[in-house]
Amino acid sequence: MKKIPEPSRKRLVILAKILSQSSEKKLTSVDLSRITGWGEASIRRDISSLELHNGVSNGYDTKILHDAICTALKINSPGAEKHRCCIVGLGKLGEALLESSVFKGSSFELVAGFDTNCNKIEIMKSEIPLFATLDLEIKIRSMKIEYAVLAVPDEKAQMMTDRLVTCGIKGIVNYTNIVLSVPKNIRVEHVNTVVVLTGMVAGGE
């Protein structure tokens, strides 16, 4: 299978989620365009990258398309390798993510939380092991953690990112307001509400 472009990969991940929640047996590109707001041509192009031959004229079989996306992107499939993740920064946002079900049923496993406040870690109740950031490098290496969710105060964002990079983290989901500087081989996704809303306004003009 040819390499799927990054914009298509992102849309396909969302599409797989939509398909898993749909009660329809078949969906056309028109249906998917109405649900997602994406152009029909983009949807057909994304699906064609899967090299899937599945009744385009009368719609895509929902289950077959979902399974094809999961297979191509190696997500949510039985026996698929779990990617170990951690949350760095256990303020209100980090704590909410720590206790949420966002990782359940996915290809990612939340295995650790880190914070600079040792007293906070001692009194927090969580099924996920919690550690002081003093032990960040040791724990990430020993627990074979690949990805990090960064939710620290802005002034600590780059410093903590540098530490994550040095201990082998492959990717960071950045919830801070700082645009992080990382090596080219490290993936970063910025999840900033203001930036997302600004993009919506700009895209609608």
C-alpha atoms as a PDB file:
ATOM      1  CA  MET A   1       0.000   0.000   0.000  1.00  0.00           C
ATOM      2  CA  LYS A   2       1.290   3.448  -0.922  1.00  0.00           C
ATOM      3  CA  LYS A   3       2.070   5.926   1.824  1.00  0.00           C
ATOM      4  CA  ILE A   4      -0.996   7.848   2.994  1.00  0.00           C
ATOM      5  CA  PRO A   5      -0.434  11.640   3.190  1.00  0.00           C
ATOM      6  CA  GLU A   6      -0.599  13.143   6.672  1.00  0.00           C
ATOM      7  CA  PRO A   7      -3.770  15.259   6.074  1.00  0.00           C
ATOM      8  CA  SER A   8      -5.533  12.129   4.805  1.00  0.00           C
ATOM      9  CA  ARG A   9      -4.329  10.110   7.798  1.00  0.00           C
ATOM     10  CA  LYS A  10      -5.802  12.654  10.204  1.00  0.00           C
ATOM     11  CA  ARG A  11      -9.149  12.652   8.408  1.00  0.00           C
ATOM     12  CA  LEU A  12      -9.211   8.857   8.222  1.00  0.00           C
ATOM     13  CA  VAL A  13      -8.662   8.561  11.981  1.00  0.00           C
ATOM     14  CA  ILE A  14     -11.711  10.781  12.540  1.00  0.00           C
ATOM     15  CA  LEU A  15     -13.647   8.889   9.892  1.00  0.00           C
ATOM     16  CA  ALA A  16     -12.944   5.566  11.623  1.00  0.00           C
ATOM     17  CA  LYS A  17     -14.433   6.995  14.827  1.00  0.00           C
ATOM     18  CA  ILE A  18     -17.520   8.199  12.966  1.00  0.00           C
ATOM     19  CA  LEU A  19     -17.994   4.826  11.294  1.00  0.00           C
ATOM     20  CA  SER A  20     -17.654   2.964  14.606  1.00  0.00           C
ATOM     21  CA  GLN A  21     -20.518   5.042  16.006  1.00  0.00           C
ATOM     22  CA  SER A  22     -22.788   4.838  12.947  1.00  0.00           C
ATOM     23  CA  SER A  23     -25.856   2.605  12.834  1.00  0.00           C
ATOM     24  CA  GLU A  24     -26.014   2.820   9.023  1.00  0.00           C
ATOM     25  CA  LYS A  25     -24.897  -0.204   7.012  1.00  0.00           C
ATOM     26  CA  LYS A  26     -23.786   1.957   4.099  1.00  0.00           C
ATOM     27  CA  LEU A  27     -22.683   5.561   3.751  1.00  0.00           C
ATOM     28  CA  THR A  28     -21.952   7.510   0.568  1.00  0.00           C
ATOM     29  CA  SER A  29     -19.371  10.250   0.171  1.00  0.00           C
ATOM     30  CA  VAL A  30     -22.331  12.671   0.210  1.00  0.00           C
ATOM     31  CA  ASP A  31     -23.416  11.291   3.600  1.00  0.00           C
ATOM     32  CA  LEU A  32     -19.880  11.528   4.967  1.00  0.00           C
ATOM     33  CA  SER A  33     -19.500  15.058   3.635  1.00  0.00           C
ATOM     34  CA  ARG A  34     -22.676  16.106   5.436  1.00  0.00           C
ATOM     35  CA  ILE A  35     -21.473  14.537   8.701  1.00  0.00           C
ATOM     36  CA  THR A  36     -17.909  15.836   8.612  1.00  0.00           C
ATOM     37  CA  GLY A  37     -18.145  19.062   6.620  1.00  0.00           C
ATOM     38  CA  TRP A  38     -15.326  17.859   4.356  1.00  0.00           C
ATOM     39  CA  GLY A  39     -15.559  18.003   0.570  1.00  0.00           C
ATOM     40  CA  GLU A  40     -16.787  14.877  -1.200  1.00  0.00           C
ATOM     41  CA  ALA A  41     -13.698  14.836  -3.428  1.00  0.00           C
ATOM     42  CA  SER A  42     -11.390  14.867  -0.383  1.00  0.00           C
ATOM     43  CA  ILE A  43     -13.325  12.006   1.205  1.00  0.00           C
ATOM     44  CA  ARG A  44     -13.183   9.887  -1.954  1.00  0.00           C
ATOM     45  CA  ARG A  45      -9.467  10.651  -2.338  1.00  0.00           C
ATOM     46  CA  ASP A  46      -8.764   9.673   1.283  1.00  0.00           C
ATOM     47  CA  ILE A  47     -10.656   6.400   0.901  1.00  0.00           C
ATOM     48  CA  SER A  48      -8.974   5.640  -2.442  1.00  0.00           C
ATOM     49  CA  SER A  49      -5.621   5.762  -0.626  1.00  0.00           C
ATOM     50  CA  LEU A  50      -6.756   2.611   1.206  1.00  0.00           C
ATOM     51  CA  GLU A  51      -6.930   0.794  -2.135  1.00  0.00           C
ATOM     52  CA  LEU A  52     -10.392  -0.349  -1.135  1.00  0.00           C
ATOM     53  CA  HIS A  53     -12.765  -1.512  -3.880  1.00  0.00           C
ATOM     54  CA  ASN A  54     -16.147  -1.398  -2.239  1.00  0.00           C
ATOM     55  CA  GLY A  55     -19.179  -0.160  -4.170  1.00  0.00           C
ATOM     56  CA  VAL A  56     -18.452   3.541  -4.506  1.00  0.00           C
ATOM     57  CA  SER A  57     -21.570   4.102  -6.649  1.00  0.00           C
ATOM     58  CA  ASN A  58     -24.024   2.928  -4.007  1.00  0.00           C
ATOM     59  CA  GLY A  59     -22.072   3.770  -0.892  1.00  0.00           C
ATOM     60  CA  TYR A  60     -19.350   2.300   1.287  1.00  0.00           C
ATOM     61  CA  ASP A  61     -20.069  -0.656   3.533  1.00  0.00           C
ATOM     62  CA  THR A  62     -19.629   0.913   6.971  1.00  0.00           C
ATOM     63  CA  LYS A  63     -17.958  -2.057   8.660  1.00  0.00           C
ATOM     64  CA  ILE A  64     -15.674  -2.895   5.742  1.00  0.00           C
ATOM     65  CA  LEU A  65     -14.546   0.715   5.424  1.00  0.00           C
ATOM     66  CA  HIS A  66     -13.988   1.022   9.188  1.00  0.00           C
ATOM     67  CA  ASP A  67     -11.929  -2.168   9.284  1.00  0.00           C
ATOM     68  CA  ALA A  68      -9.919  -1.107   6.224  1.00  0.00           C
ATOM     69  CA  ILE A  69      -8.994   2.200   7.883  1.00  0.00           C
ATOM     70  CA  CYS A  70      -8.020   0.470  11.128  1.00  0.00           C
ATOM     71  CA  THR A  71      -5.895  -2.052   9.255  1.00  0.00           C
ATOM     72  CA  ALA A  72      -4.165   0.594   7.141  1.00  0.00           C
ATOM     73  CA  LEU A  73      -3.434   2.872  10.096  1.00  0.00           C
ATOM     74  CA  LYS A  74      -2.911   0.032  12.583  1.00  0.00           C
ATOM     75  CA  ILE A  75      -5.502   1.327  15.032  1.00  0.00           C
ATOM     76  CA  ASN A  76      -8.081  -0.372  17.250  1.00  0.00           C
ATOM     77  CA  SER A  77      -7.459  -3.810  15.771  1.00  0.00           C
ATOM     78  CA  PRO A  78      -7.460  -6.935  17.975  1.00  0.00           C
ATOM     79  CA  GLY A  79      -3.952  -7.844  19.033  1.00  0.00           C
ATOM     80  CA  ALA A  80      -2.573  -4.514  17.807  1.00  0.00           C
ATOM     81  CA  GLU A  81       0.407  -3.183  19.708  1.00  0.00           C
ATOM     82  CA  LYS A  82      -0.501  -0.751  22.462  1.00  0.00           C
ATOM     83  CA  HIS A  83       1.420   2.520  22.531  1.00  0.00           C
ATOM     84  CA  ARG A  84       2.302   3.627  26.054  1.00  0.00           C
ATOM     85  CA  CYS A  85       1.518   7.219  27.005  1.00  0.00           C
ATOM     86  CA  CYS A  86       1.902   9.540  29.962  1.00  0.00           C
ATOM     87  CA  ILE A  87       0.494  12.870  31.105  1.00  0.00           C
ATOM     88  CA  VAL A  88       2.981  15.522  32.221  1.00  0.00           C
ATOM     89  CA  GLY A  89       1.366  18.179  34.403  1.00  0.00           C
ATOM     90  CA  LEU A  90      -1.498  17.249  36.718  1.00  0.00           C
ATOM     91  CA  GLY A  91      -3.272  20.572  37.126  1.00  0.00           C
ATOM     92  CA  LYS A  92      -7.013  20.738  36.500  1.00  0.00           C
ATOM     93  CA  LEU A  93      -6.644  19.811  32.825  1.00  0.00           C
ATOM     94  CA  GLY A  94      -4.084  17.068  33.386  1.00  0.00           C
ATOM     95  CA  GLU A  95      -6.118  15.605  36.225  1.00  0.00           C
ATOM     96  CA  ALA A  96      -9.256  15.612  34.082  1.00  0.00           C
ATOM     97  CA  LEU A  97      -7.439  13.783  31.286  1.00  0.00           C
ATOM     98  CA  LEU A  98      -5.987  11.358  33.807  1.00  0.00           C
ATOM     99  CA  GLU A  99      -9.425  10.342  35.029  1.00  0.00           C
ATOM    100  CA  SER A 100     -11.216  10.401  31.665  1.00  0.00           C
ATOM    101  CA  SER A 101     -12.028   7.434  29.453  1.00  0.00           C
ATOM    102  CA  VAL A 102     -10.425   9.014  26.393  1.00  0.00           C
ATOM    103  CA  PHE A 103      -7.835   6.214  26.073  1.00  0.00           C
ATOM    104  CA  LYS A 104     -10.246   3.308  26.496  1.00  0.00           C
ATOM    105  CA  GLY A 105     -10.813   1.216  23.400  1.00  0.00           C
ATOM    106  CA  SER A 106      -7.919   2.886  21.583  1.00  0.00           C
ATOM    107  CA  SER A 107      -4.448   1.789  20.544  1.00  0.00           C
ATOM    108  CA  PHE A 108      -2.999   3.864  23.382  1.00  0.00           C
ATOM    109  CA  GLU A 109      -2.475   2.944  26.999  1.00  0.00           C
ATOM    110  CA  LEU A 110      -2.089   5.589  29.689  1.00  0.00           C
ATOM    111  CA  VAL A 111       0.507   4.233  32.087  1.00  0.00           C
ATOM    112  CA  ALA A 112       1.819   7.205  34.081  1.00  0.00           C
ATOM    113  CA  GLY A 113       1.230  10.747  35.256  1.00  0.00           C
ATOM    114  CA  PHE A 114       3.917  13.256  36.283  1.00  0.00           C
ATOM    115  CA  ASP A 115       3.840  16.468  38.296  1.00  0.00           C
ATOM    116  CA  THR A 116       6.340  18.705  40.060  1.00  0.00           C
ATOM    117  CA  ASN A 117       4.207  18.824  43.228  1.00  0.00           C
ATOM    118  CA  CYS A 118       5.122  15.754  45.281  1.00  0.00           C
ATOM    119  CA  ASN A 119       2.471  16.486  47.913  1.00  0.00           C
ATOM    120  CA  LYS A 120      -0.216  16.567  45.243  1.00  0.00           C
ATOM    121  CA  ILE A 121       0.880  13.213  43.867  1.00  0.00           C
ATOM    122  CA  GLU A 122       0.711  11.647  47.326  1.00  0.00           C
ATOM    123  CA  ILE A 123      -2.886  12.693  47.962  1.00  0.00           C
ATOM    124  CA  MET A 124      -4.305  12.241  44.447  1.00  0.00           C
ATOM    125  CA  LYS A 125      -6.402   9.142  43.923  1.00  0.00           C
ATOM    126  CA  SER A 126      -5.821   7.490  40.575  1.00  0.00           C
ATOM    127  CA  GLU A 127      -5.624   4.018  39.073  1.00  0.00           C
ATOM    128  CA  ILE A 128      -2.716   5.314  36.988  1.00  0.00           C
ATOM    129  CA  PRO A 129       0.724   5.366  38.679  1.00  0.00           C
ATOM    130  CA  LEU A 130       1.834   8.911  39.525  1.00  0.00           C
ATOM    131  CA  PHE A 131       5.421  10.130  39.784  1.00  0.00           C
ATOM    132  CA  ALA A 132       7.400  13.292  40.500  1.00  0.00           C
ATOM    133  CA  THR A 133       8.908  14.942  37.427  1.00  0.00           C
ATOM    134  CA  LEU A 134      12.288  14.442  39.094  1.00  0.00           C
ATOM    135  CA  ASP A 135      11.933  10.810  38.006  1.00  0.00           C
ATOM    136  CA  LEU A 136      10.687  11.643  34.496  1.00  0.00           C
ATOM    137  CA  GLU A 137      13.634  10.331  32.485  1.00  0.00           C
ATOM    138  CA  ILE A 138      14.067   7.155  34.539  1.00  0.00           C
ATOM    139  CA  LYS A 139      10.371   6.233  34.462  1.00  0.00           C
ATOM    140  CA  ILE A 140       9.815   6.995  30.781  1.00  0.00           C
ATOM    141  CA  ARG A 141      12.741   4.800  29.786  1.00  0.00           C
ATOM    142  CA  SER A 142      11.989   1.961  32.216  1.00  0.00           C
ATOM    143  CA  MET A 143       8.263   1.937  31.387  1.00  0.00           C
ATOM    144  CA  LYS A 144       8.941   2.242  27.639  1.00  0.00           C
ATOM    145  CA  ILE A 145       6.635   5.230  27.250  1.00  0.00           C
ATOM    146  CA  GLU A 146       6.429   6.502  23.661  1.00  0.00           C
ATOM    147  CA  TYR A 147       4.057   9.476  23.766  1.00  0.00           C
ATOM    148  CA  ALA A 148       3.342  12.312  26.186  1.00  0.00           C
ATOM    149  CA  VAL A 149       0.413  14.635  26.798  1.00  0.00           C
ATOM    150  CA  LEU A 150       1.849  17.960  27.941  1.00  0.00           C
ATOM    151  CA  ALA A 151      -0.350  20.009  30.303  1.00  0.00           C
ATOM    152  CA  VAL A 152       2.189  21.978  32.334  1.00  0.00           C
ATOM    153  CA  PRO A 153       2.175  25.774  32.906  1.00  0.00           C
ATOM    154  CA  ASP A 154       3.345  27.662  29.817  1.00  0.00           C
ATOM    155  CA  GLU A 155       6.610  28.794  31.400  1.00  0.00           C
ATOM    156  CA  LYS A 156       7.645  25.162  31.900  1.00  0.00           C
ATOM    157  CA  ALA A 157       6.499  23.854  28.519  1.00  0.00           C
ATOM    158  CA  GLN A 158       9.736  24.060  26.504  1.00  0.00           C
ATOM    159  CA  MET A 159      11.928  22.911  29.379  1.00  0.00           C
ATOM    160  CA  MET A 160       9.748  19.869  29.965  1.00  0.00           C
ATOM    161  CA  THR A 161       9.623  19.197  26.232  1.00  0.00           C
ATOM    162  CA  ASP A 162      13.426  19.169  26.065  1.00  0.00           C
ATOM    163  CA  ARG A 163      13.477  16.580  28.848  1.00  0.00           C
ATOM    164  CA  LEU A 164      10.899  14.428  27.092  1.00  0.00           C
ATOM    165  CA  VAL A 165      12.877  14.519  23.863  1.00  0.00           C
ATOM    166  CA  THR A 166      16.125  13.477  25.569  1.00  0.00           C
ATOM    167  CA  CYS A 167      14.534  10.346  27.010  1.00  0.00           C
ATOM    168  CA  GLY A 168      13.154   9.085  23.720  1.00  0.00           C
ATOM    169  CA  ILE A 169       9.561  10.315  23.466  1.00  0.00           C
ATOM    170  CA  LYS A 170       8.283   9.961  19.889  1.00  0.00           C
ATOM    171  CA  GLY A 171       5.423  12.442  20.019  1.00  0.00           C
ATOM    172  CA  ILE A 172       3.779  15.097  22.183  1.00  0.00           C
ATOM    173  CA  VAL A 173       0.198  16.309  22.415  1.00  0.00           C
ATOM    174  CA  ASN A 174       0.673  19.902  23.515  1.00  0.00           C
ATOM    175  CA  TYR A 175      -2.104  21.493  25.587  1.00  0.00           C
ATOM    176  CA  THR A 176      -0.038  24.560  26.470  1.00  0.00           C
ATOM    177  CA  ASN A 177      -0.057  27.941  24.699  1.00  0.00           C
ATOM    178  CA  ILE A 178       3.587  27.593  23.679  1.00  0.00           C
ATOM    179  CA  VAL A 179       4.705  26.594  20.182  1.00  0.00           C
ATOM    180  CA  LEU A 180       7.271  23.947  21.021  1.00  0.00           C
ATOM    181  CA  SER A 181      10.681  23.600  19.415  1.00  0.00           C
ATOM    182  CA  VAL A 182      11.524  19.930  18.767  1.00  0.00           C
ATOM    183  CA  PRO A 183      13.763  17.898  16.437  1.00  0.00           C
ATOM    184  CA  LYS A 184      12.263  16.954  13.062  1.00  0.00           C
ATOM    185  CA  ASN A 185      11.791  13.327  14.087  1.00  0.00           C
ATOM    186  CA  ILE A 186       9.493  14.261  17.007  1.00  0.00           C
ATOM    187  CA  ARG A 187       5.785  14.673  16.262  1.00  0.00           C
ATOM    188  CA  VAL A 188       3.872  17.475  18.006  1.00  0.00           C
ATOM    189  CA  GLU A 189       0.148  18.174  17.865  1.00  0.00           C
ATOM    190  CA  HIS A 190      -0.945  21.498  19.358  1.00  0.00           C
ATOM    191  CA  VAL A 191      -4.348  21.326  21.069  1.00  0.00           C
ATOM    192  CA  ASN A 192      -5.082  24.945  21.874  1.00  0.00           C
ATOM    193  CA  THR A 193      -8.717  26.025  22.077  1.00  0.00           C
ATOM    194  CA  VAL A 194      -8.062  29.614  20.977  1.00  0.00           C
ATOM    195  CA  VAL A 195      -5.964  28.487  18.004  1.00  0.00           C
ATOM    196  CA  VAL A 196      -8.649  25.998  16.937  1.00  0.00           C
ATOM    197  CA  LEU A 197     -11.399  28.612  17.247  1.00  0.00           C
ATOM    198  CA  THR A 198      -9.277  31.137  15.342  1.00  0.00           C
ATOM    199  CA  GLY A 199      -8.825  28.566  12.587  1.00  0.00           C
ATOM    200  CA  MET A 200     -12.582  28.107  12.405  1.00  0.00           C
ATOM    201  CA  VAL A 201     -13.152  31.849  12.064  1.00  0.00           C
ATOM    202  CA  ALA A 202     -10.407  32.195   9.461  1.00  0.00           C
ATOM    203  CA  GLY A 203     -11.720  29.206   7.539  1.00  0.00           C
ATOM    204  CA  GLY A 204     -15.228  30.628   7.482  1.00  0.00           C
ATOM    205  CA  GLU A 205     -14.317  33.962   6.006  1.00  0.00           C
END
